PDB file of all heavy atoms in Angstrom:
ATOM      1  N   GLY A   1     -70.667 -27.854 -20.532  1.00  0.00           N
ATOM      2  CA  GLY A   1     -71.569 -28.933 -20.162  1.00  0.00           C
ATOM      3  C   GLY A   1     -71.306 -30.191 -20.950  1.00  0.00           C
ATOM      4  O   GLY A   1     -70.441 -30.217 -21.834  1.00  0.00           O
ATOM      5  N   PRO A   2     -72.050 -31.232 -20.635  1.00  0.00           N
ATOM      6  CA  PRO A   2     -71.885 -32.490 -21.363  1.00  0.00           C
ATOM      7  C   PRO A   2     -72.124 -32.291 -22.858  1.00  0.00           C
ATOM      8  O   PRO A   2     -72.953 -31.488 -23.266  1.00  0.00           O
ATOM      9  CB  PRO A   2     -72.964 -33.395 -20.766  1.00  0.00           C
ATOM     10  CG  PRO A   2     -73.278 -32.803 -19.446  1.00  0.00           C
ATOM     11  CD  PRO A   2     -73.069 -31.330 -19.598  1.00  0.00           C
ATOM     12  N   LYS A   3     -71.365 -33.019 -23.674  1.00  0.00           N
ATOM     13  CA  LYS A   3     -71.542 -32.943 -25.117  1.00  0.00           C
ATOM     14  C   LYS A   3     -71.308 -34.320 -25.711  1.00  0.00           C
ATOM     15  O   LYS A   3     -70.664 -35.173 -25.107  1.00  0.00           O
ATOM     16  CB  LYS A   3     -70.590 -31.920 -25.717  1.00  0.00           C
ATOM     17  CG  LYS A   3     -69.147 -32.124 -25.332  1.00  0.00           C
ATOM     18  CD  LYS A   3     -68.300 -30.948 -25.753  1.00  0.00           C
ATOM     19  CE  LYS A   3     -66.941 -31.093 -25.096  1.00  0.00           C
ATOM     20  NZ  LYS A   3     -66.407 -29.908 -24.580  1.00  0.00           N
ATOM     21  N   ARG A   4     -71.842 -34.530 -26.876  1.00  0.00           N
ATOM     22  CA  ARG A   4     -71.667 -35.803 -27.569  1.00  0.00           C
ATOM     23  C   ARG A   4     -70.543 -35.663 -28.574  1.00  0.00           C
ATOM     24  O   ARG A   4     -70.504 -34.709 -29.335  1.00  0.00           O
ATOM     25  CB  ARG A   4     -72.962 -36.185 -28.270  1.00  0.00           C
ATOM     26  CG  ARG A   4     -74.048 -36.548 -27.293  1.00  0.00           C
ATOM     27  CD  ARG A   4     -75.373 -36.794 -28.016  1.00  0.00           C
ATOM     28  NE  ARG A   4     -76.394 -37.164 -27.076  1.00  0.00           N
ATOM     29  CZ  ARG A   4     -77.163 -36.311 -26.430  1.00  0.00           C
ATOM     30  NH1 ARG A   4     -77.011 -35.020 -26.610  1.00  0.00           N
ATOM     31  NH2 ARG A   4     -78.082 -36.727 -25.588  1.00  0.00           N
ATOM     32  N   GLN A   5     -69.628 -36.628 -28.556  1.00  0.00           N
ATOM     33  CA  GLN A   5     -68.495 -36.591 -29.476  1.00  0.00           C
ATOM     34  C   GLN A   5     -68.123 -37.999 -29.908  1.00  0.00           C
ATOM     35  O   GLN A   5     -68.467 -38.977 -29.244  1.00  0.00           O
ATOM     36  CB  GLN A   5     -67.274 -35.948 -28.808  1.00  0.00           C
ATOM     37  CG  GLN A   5     -67.451 -34.497 -28.492  1.00  0.00           C
ATOM     38  CD  GLN A   5     -66.178 -33.889 -27.921  1.00  0.00           C
ATOM     39  OE1 GLN A   5     -65.333 -34.571 -27.386  1.00  0.00           O
ATOM     40  NE2 GLN A   5     -66.063 -32.583 -28.047  1.00  0.00           N
ATOM     41  N   ALA A   6     -67.389 -38.070 -30.995  1.00  0.00           N
ATOM     42  CA  ALA A   6     -66.846 -39.349 -31.449  1.00  0.00           C
ATOM     43  C   ALA A   6     -65.692 -39.747 -30.538  1.00  0.00           C
ATOM     44  O   ALA A   6     -65.129 -38.917 -29.822  1.00  0.00           O
ATOM     45  CB  ALA A   6     -66.374 -39.217 -32.885  1.00  0.00           C
ATOM     46  N   PHE A   7     -65.341 -41.013 -30.578  1.00  0.00           N
ATOM     47  CA  PHE A   7     -64.199 -41.500 -29.812  1.00  0.00           C
ATOM     48  C   PHE A   7     -62.910 -40.974 -30.422  1.00  0.00           C
ATOM     49  O   PHE A   7     -62.834 -40.731 -31.622  1.00  0.00           O
ATOM     50  CB  PHE A   7     -64.131 -43.030 -29.834  1.00  0.00           C
ATOM     51  CG  PHE A   7     -65.325 -43.698 -29.230  1.00  0.00           C
ATOM     52  CD1 PHE A   7     -66.224 -44.368 -30.027  1.00  0.00           C
ATOM     53  CD2 PHE A   7     -65.548 -43.660 -27.872  1.00  0.00           C
ATOM     54  CE1 PHE A   7     -67.327 -44.996 -29.483  1.00  0.00           C
ATOM     55  CE2 PHE A   7     -66.649 -44.280 -27.312  1.00  0.00           C
ATOM     56  CZ  PHE A   7     -67.541 -44.955 -28.124  1.00  0.00           C
ATOM     57  N   GLY A   8     -61.876 -40.841 -29.592  1.00  0.00           N
ATOM     58  CA  GLY A   8     -60.551 -40.515 -30.088  1.00  0.00           C
ATOM     59  C   GLY A   8     -59.850 -41.790 -30.549  1.00  0.00           C
ATOM     60  O   GLY A   8     -60.458 -42.860 -30.644  1.00  0.00           O
ATOM     61  N   VAL A   9     -58.578 -41.694 -30.795  1.00  0.00           N
ATOM     62  CA  VAL A   9     -57.803 -42.835 -31.296  1.00  0.00           C
ATOM     63  C   VAL A   9     -57.610 -43.896 -30.217  1.00  0.00           C
ATOM     64  O   VAL A   9     -57.741 -45.082 -30.473  1.00  0.00           O
ATOM     65  CB  VAL A   9     -56.439 -42.347 -31.815  1.00  0.00           C
ATOM     66  CG1 VAL A   9     -55.585 -43.511 -32.252  1.00  0.00           C
ATOM     67  CG2 VAL A   9     -56.632 -41.374 -32.963  1.00  0.00           C
ATOM     68  N   ASN A  10     -57.301 -43.479 -29.011  1.00  0.00           N
ATOM     69  CA  ASN A  10     -57.038 -44.406 -27.907  1.00  0.00           C
ATOM     70  C   ASN A  10     -58.232 -44.407 -26.953  1.00  0.00           C
ATOM     71  O   ASN A  10     -58.497 -43.415 -26.295  1.00  0.00           O
ATOM     72  CB  ASN A  10     -55.784 -43.983 -27.141  1.00  0.00           C
ATOM     73  CG  ASN A  10     -54.591 -43.867 -28.051  1.00  0.00           C
ATOM     74  OD1 ASN A  10     -54.255 -44.791 -28.752  1.00  0.00           O
ATOM     75  ND2 ASN A  10     -53.969 -42.699 -28.065  1.00  0.00           N
ATOM     76  N   VAL A  11     -58.935 -45.529 -26.885  1.00  0.00           N
ATOM     77  CA  VAL A  11     -60.134 -45.639 -26.044  1.00  0.00           C
ATOM     78  C   VAL A  11     -59.977 -46.847 -25.133  1.00  0.00           C
ATOM     79  O   VAL A  11     -59.569 -47.917 -25.579  1.00  0.00           O
ATOM     80  CB  VAL A  11     -61.402 -45.813 -26.902  1.00  0.00           C
ATOM     81  CG1 VAL A  11     -62.634 -45.935 -26.021  1.00  0.00           C
ATOM     82  CG2 VAL A  11     -61.563 -44.671 -27.876  1.00  0.00           C
ATOM     83  N   ILE A  12     -60.306 -46.679 -23.854  1.00  0.00           N
ATOM     84  CA  ILE A  12     -60.292 -47.786 -22.904  1.00  0.00           C
ATOM     85  C   ILE A  12     -61.604 -47.783 -22.128  1.00  0.00           C
ATOM     86  O   ILE A  12     -62.028 -46.744 -21.622  1.00  0.00           O
ATOM     87  CB  ILE A  12     -59.099 -47.691 -21.930  1.00  0.00           C
ATOM     88  CG1 ILE A  12     -57.793 -47.821 -22.704  1.00  0.00           C
ATOM     89  CG2 ILE A  12     -59.195 -48.759 -20.843  1.00  0.00           C
ATOM     90  CD1 ILE A  12     -56.560 -47.701 -21.869  1.00  0.00           C
ATOM     91  N   VAL A  13     -62.238 -48.954 -22.061  1.00  0.00           N
ATOM     92  CA  VAL A  13     -63.440 -49.113 -21.248  1.00  0.00           C
ATOM     93  C   VAL A  13     -63.005 -49.244 -19.797  1.00  0.00           C
ATOM     94  O   VAL A  13     -62.260 -50.157 -19.441  1.00  0.00           O
ATOM     95  CB  VAL A  13     -64.255 -50.353 -21.682  1.00  0.00           C
ATOM     96  CG1 VAL A  13     -65.446 -50.564 -20.756  1.00  0.00           C
ATOM     97  CG2 VAL A  13     -64.717 -50.225 -23.131  1.00  0.00           C
ATOM     98  N   LEU A  14     -63.447 -48.315 -18.955  1.00  0.00           N
ATOM     99  CA  LEU A  14     -63.104 -48.338 -17.532  1.00  0.00           C
ATOM    100  C   LEU A  14     -64.087 -49.167 -16.721  1.00  0.00           C
ATOM    101  O   LEU A  14     -63.731 -49.783 -15.717  1.00  0.00           O
ATOM    102  CB  LEU A  14     -63.066 -46.915 -16.981  1.00  0.00           C
ATOM    103  CG  LEU A  14     -62.057 -45.969 -17.630  1.00  0.00           C
ATOM    104  CD1 LEU A  14     -62.236 -44.564 -17.090  1.00  0.00           C
ATOM    105  CD2 LEU A  14     -60.645 -46.473 -17.423  1.00  0.00           C
ATOM    106  N   GLU A  15     -65.352 -49.141 -17.156  1.00  0.00           N
ATOM    107  CA  GLU A  15     -66.410 -49.870 -16.448  1.00  0.00           C
ATOM    108  C   GLU A  15     -67.501 -50.212 -17.457  1.00  0.00           C
ATOM    109  O   GLU A  15     -67.902 -49.359 -18.247  1.00  0.00           O
ATOM    110  CB  GLU A  15     -66.977 -48.986 -15.335  1.00  0.00           C
ATOM    111  CG  GLU A  15     -68.085 -49.616 -14.539  1.00  0.00           C
ATOM    112  CD  GLU A  15     -68.653 -48.649 -13.508  1.00  0.00           C
ATOM    113  OE1 GLU A  15     -69.550 -47.874 -13.869  1.00  0.00           O
ATOM    114  OE2 GLU A  15     -68.160 -48.668 -12.378  1.00  0.00           O
ATOM    115  N   LYS A  16     -67.955 -51.457 -17.429  1.00  0.00           N
ATOM    116  CA  LYS A  16     -69.040 -51.875 -18.306  1.00  0.00           C
ATOM    117  C   LYS A  16     -70.355 -51.304 -17.781  1.00  0.00           C
ATOM    118  O   LYS A  16     -70.447 -50.875 -16.636  1.00  0.00           O
ATOM    119  CB  LYS A  16     -69.117 -53.404 -18.379  1.00  0.00           C
ATOM    120  CG  LYS A  16     -67.876 -54.070 -18.937  1.00  0.00           C
ATOM    121  CD  LYS A  16     -67.584 -53.645 -20.369  1.00  0.00           C
ATOM    122  CE  LYS A  16     -68.586 -54.238 -21.344  1.00  0.00           C
ATOM    123  NZ  LYS A  16     -68.373 -53.788 -22.729  1.00  0.00           N
ATOM    124  N   ALA A  17     -71.379 -51.297 -18.619  1.00  0.00           N
ATOM    125  CA  ALA A  17     -72.676 -50.728 -18.250  1.00  0.00           C
ATOM    126  C   ALA A  17     -73.274 -51.396 -17.011  1.00  0.00           C
ATOM    127  O   ALA A  17     -73.974 -50.755 -16.233  1.00  0.00           O
ATOM    128  CB  ALA A  17     -73.645 -50.831 -19.429  1.00  0.00           C
ATOM    129  N   ASP A  18     -72.955 -52.683 -16.799  1.00  0.00           N
ATOM    130  CA  ASP A  18     -73.492 -53.400 -15.640  1.00  0.00           C
ATOM    131  C   ASP A  18     -72.649 -53.224 -14.377  1.00  0.00           C
ATOM    132  O   ASP A  18     -72.902 -53.839 -13.352  1.00  0.00           O
ATOM    133  CB  ASP A  18     -73.643 -54.883 -15.964  1.00  0.00           C
ATOM    134  CG  ASP A  18     -72.321 -55.587 -16.239  1.00  0.00           C
ATOM    135  OD1 ASP A  18     -71.244 -54.942 -16.137  1.00  0.00           O
ATOM    136  OD2 ASP A  18     -72.358 -56.791 -16.560  1.00  0.00           O
ATOM    137  N   GLY A  19     -71.603 -52.384 -14.449  1.00  0.00           N
ATOM    138  CA  GLY A  19     -70.757 -52.123 -13.290  1.00  0.00           C
ATOM    139  C   GLY A  19     -69.516 -52.998 -13.207  1.00  0.00           C
ATOM    140  O   GLY A  19     -68.668 -52.786 -12.345  1.00  0.00           O
ATOM    141  N   ALA A  20     -69.400 -53.977 -14.092  1.00  0.00           N
ATOM    142  CA  ALA A  20     -68.242 -54.872 -14.081  1.00  0.00           C
ATOM    143  C   ALA A  20     -67.001 -54.144 -14.595  1.00  0.00           C
ATOM    144  O   ALA A  20     -67.094 -53.255 -15.434  1.00  0.00           O
ATOM    145  CB  ALA A  20     -68.515 -56.099 -14.949  1.00  0.00           C
ATOM    146  N   ILE A  21     -65.850 -54.531 -14.076  1.00  0.00           N
ATOM    147  CA  ILE A  21     -64.569 -54.004 -14.539  1.00  0.00           C
ATOM    148  C   ILE A  21     -64.066 -54.939 -15.648  1.00  0.00           C
ATOM    149  O   ILE A  21     -64.001 -56.150 -15.437  1.00  0.00           O
ATOM    150  CB  ILE A  21     -63.536 -53.951 -13.388  1.00  0.00           C
ATOM    151  CG1 ILE A  21     -64.065 -53.107 -12.226  1.00  0.00           C
ATOM    152  CG2 ILE A  21     -62.197 -53.427 -13.894  1.00  0.00           C
ATOM    153  CD1 ILE A  21     -64.365 -51.669 -12.568  1.00  0.00           C
ATOM    154  N   PRO A  22     -63.717 -54.399 -16.819  1.00  0.00           N
ATOM    155  CA  PRO A  22     -63.237 -55.257 -17.903  1.00  0.00           C
ATOM    156  C   PRO A  22     -62.017 -56.075 -17.482  1.00  0.00           C
ATOM    157  O   PRO A  22     -61.190 -55.616 -16.685  1.00  0.00           O
ATOM    158  CB  PRO A  22     -62.864 -54.264 -19.010  1.00  0.00           C
ATOM    159  CG  PRO A  22     -63.666 -53.050 -18.713  1.00  0.00           C
ATOM    160  CD  PRO A  22     -63.781 -52.999 -17.220  1.00  0.00           C
ATOM    161  N   GLU A  23     -61.899 -57.268 -18.032  1.00  0.00           N
ATOM    162  CA  GLU A  23     -60.836 -58.202 -17.644  1.00  0.00           C
ATOM    163  C   GLU A  23     -59.430 -57.603 -17.724  1.00  0.00           C
ATOM    164  O   GLU A  23     -58.652 -57.783 -16.783  1.00  0.00           O
ATOM    165  CB  GLU A  23     -60.928 -59.469 -18.492  1.00  0.00           C
ATOM    166  CG  GLU A  23     -59.997 -60.552 -18.026  1.00  0.00           C
ATOM    167  CD  GLU A  23     -60.193 -61.841 -18.801  1.00  0.00           C
ATOM    168  OE1 GLU A  23     -61.336 -62.144 -19.173  1.00  0.00           O
ATOM    169  OE2 GLU A  23     -59.195 -62.537 -19.013  1.00  0.00           O
ATOM    170  N   PRO A  24     -59.058 -56.892 -18.803  1.00  0.00           N
ATOM    171  CA  PRO A  24     -57.691 -56.346 -18.823  1.00  0.00           C
ATOM    172  C   PRO A  24     -57.402 -55.408 -17.651  1.00  0.00           C
ATOM    173  O   PRO A  24     -56.306 -55.424 -17.103  1.00  0.00           O
ATOM    174  CB  PRO A  24     -57.627 -55.603 -20.152  1.00  0.00           C
ATOM    175  CG  PRO A  24     -58.650 -56.261 -21.016  1.00  0.00           C
ATOM    176  CD  PRO A  24     -59.744 -56.644 -20.059  1.00  0.00           C
ATOM    177  N   LEU A  25     -58.382 -54.627 -17.232  1.00  0.00           N
ATOM    178  CA  LEU A  25     -58.163 -53.725 -16.085  1.00  0.00           C
ATOM    179  C   LEU A  25     -58.220 -54.492 -14.776  1.00  0.00           C
ATOM    180  O   LEU A  25     -57.491 -54.193 -13.840  1.00  0.00           O
ATOM    181  CB  LEU A  25     -59.196 -52.600 -16.073  1.00  0.00           C
ATOM    182  CG  LEU A  25     -59.097 -51.595 -17.209  1.00  0.00           C
ATOM    183  CD1 LEU A  25     -60.159 -50.520 -17.053  1.00  0.00           C
ATOM    184  CD2 LEU A  25     -57.717 -50.971 -17.274  1.00  0.00           C
ATOM    185  N   GLY A  26     -59.084 -55.479 -14.697  1.00  0.00           N
ATOM    186  CA  GLY A  26     -59.172 -56.308 -13.501  1.00  0.00           C
ATOM    187  C   GLY A  26     -57.870 -57.027 -13.211  1.00  0.00           C
ATOM    188  O   GLY A  26     -57.492 -57.191 -12.053  1.00  0.00           O
TER     189      GLY A  26
END
């Protein structure tokens, strides 16, 4: 099931909380 964890070394934001796509991905 879902679990809470720290981020790994490589992290990419796929979608902002408001539904926007971050500029580098856009």
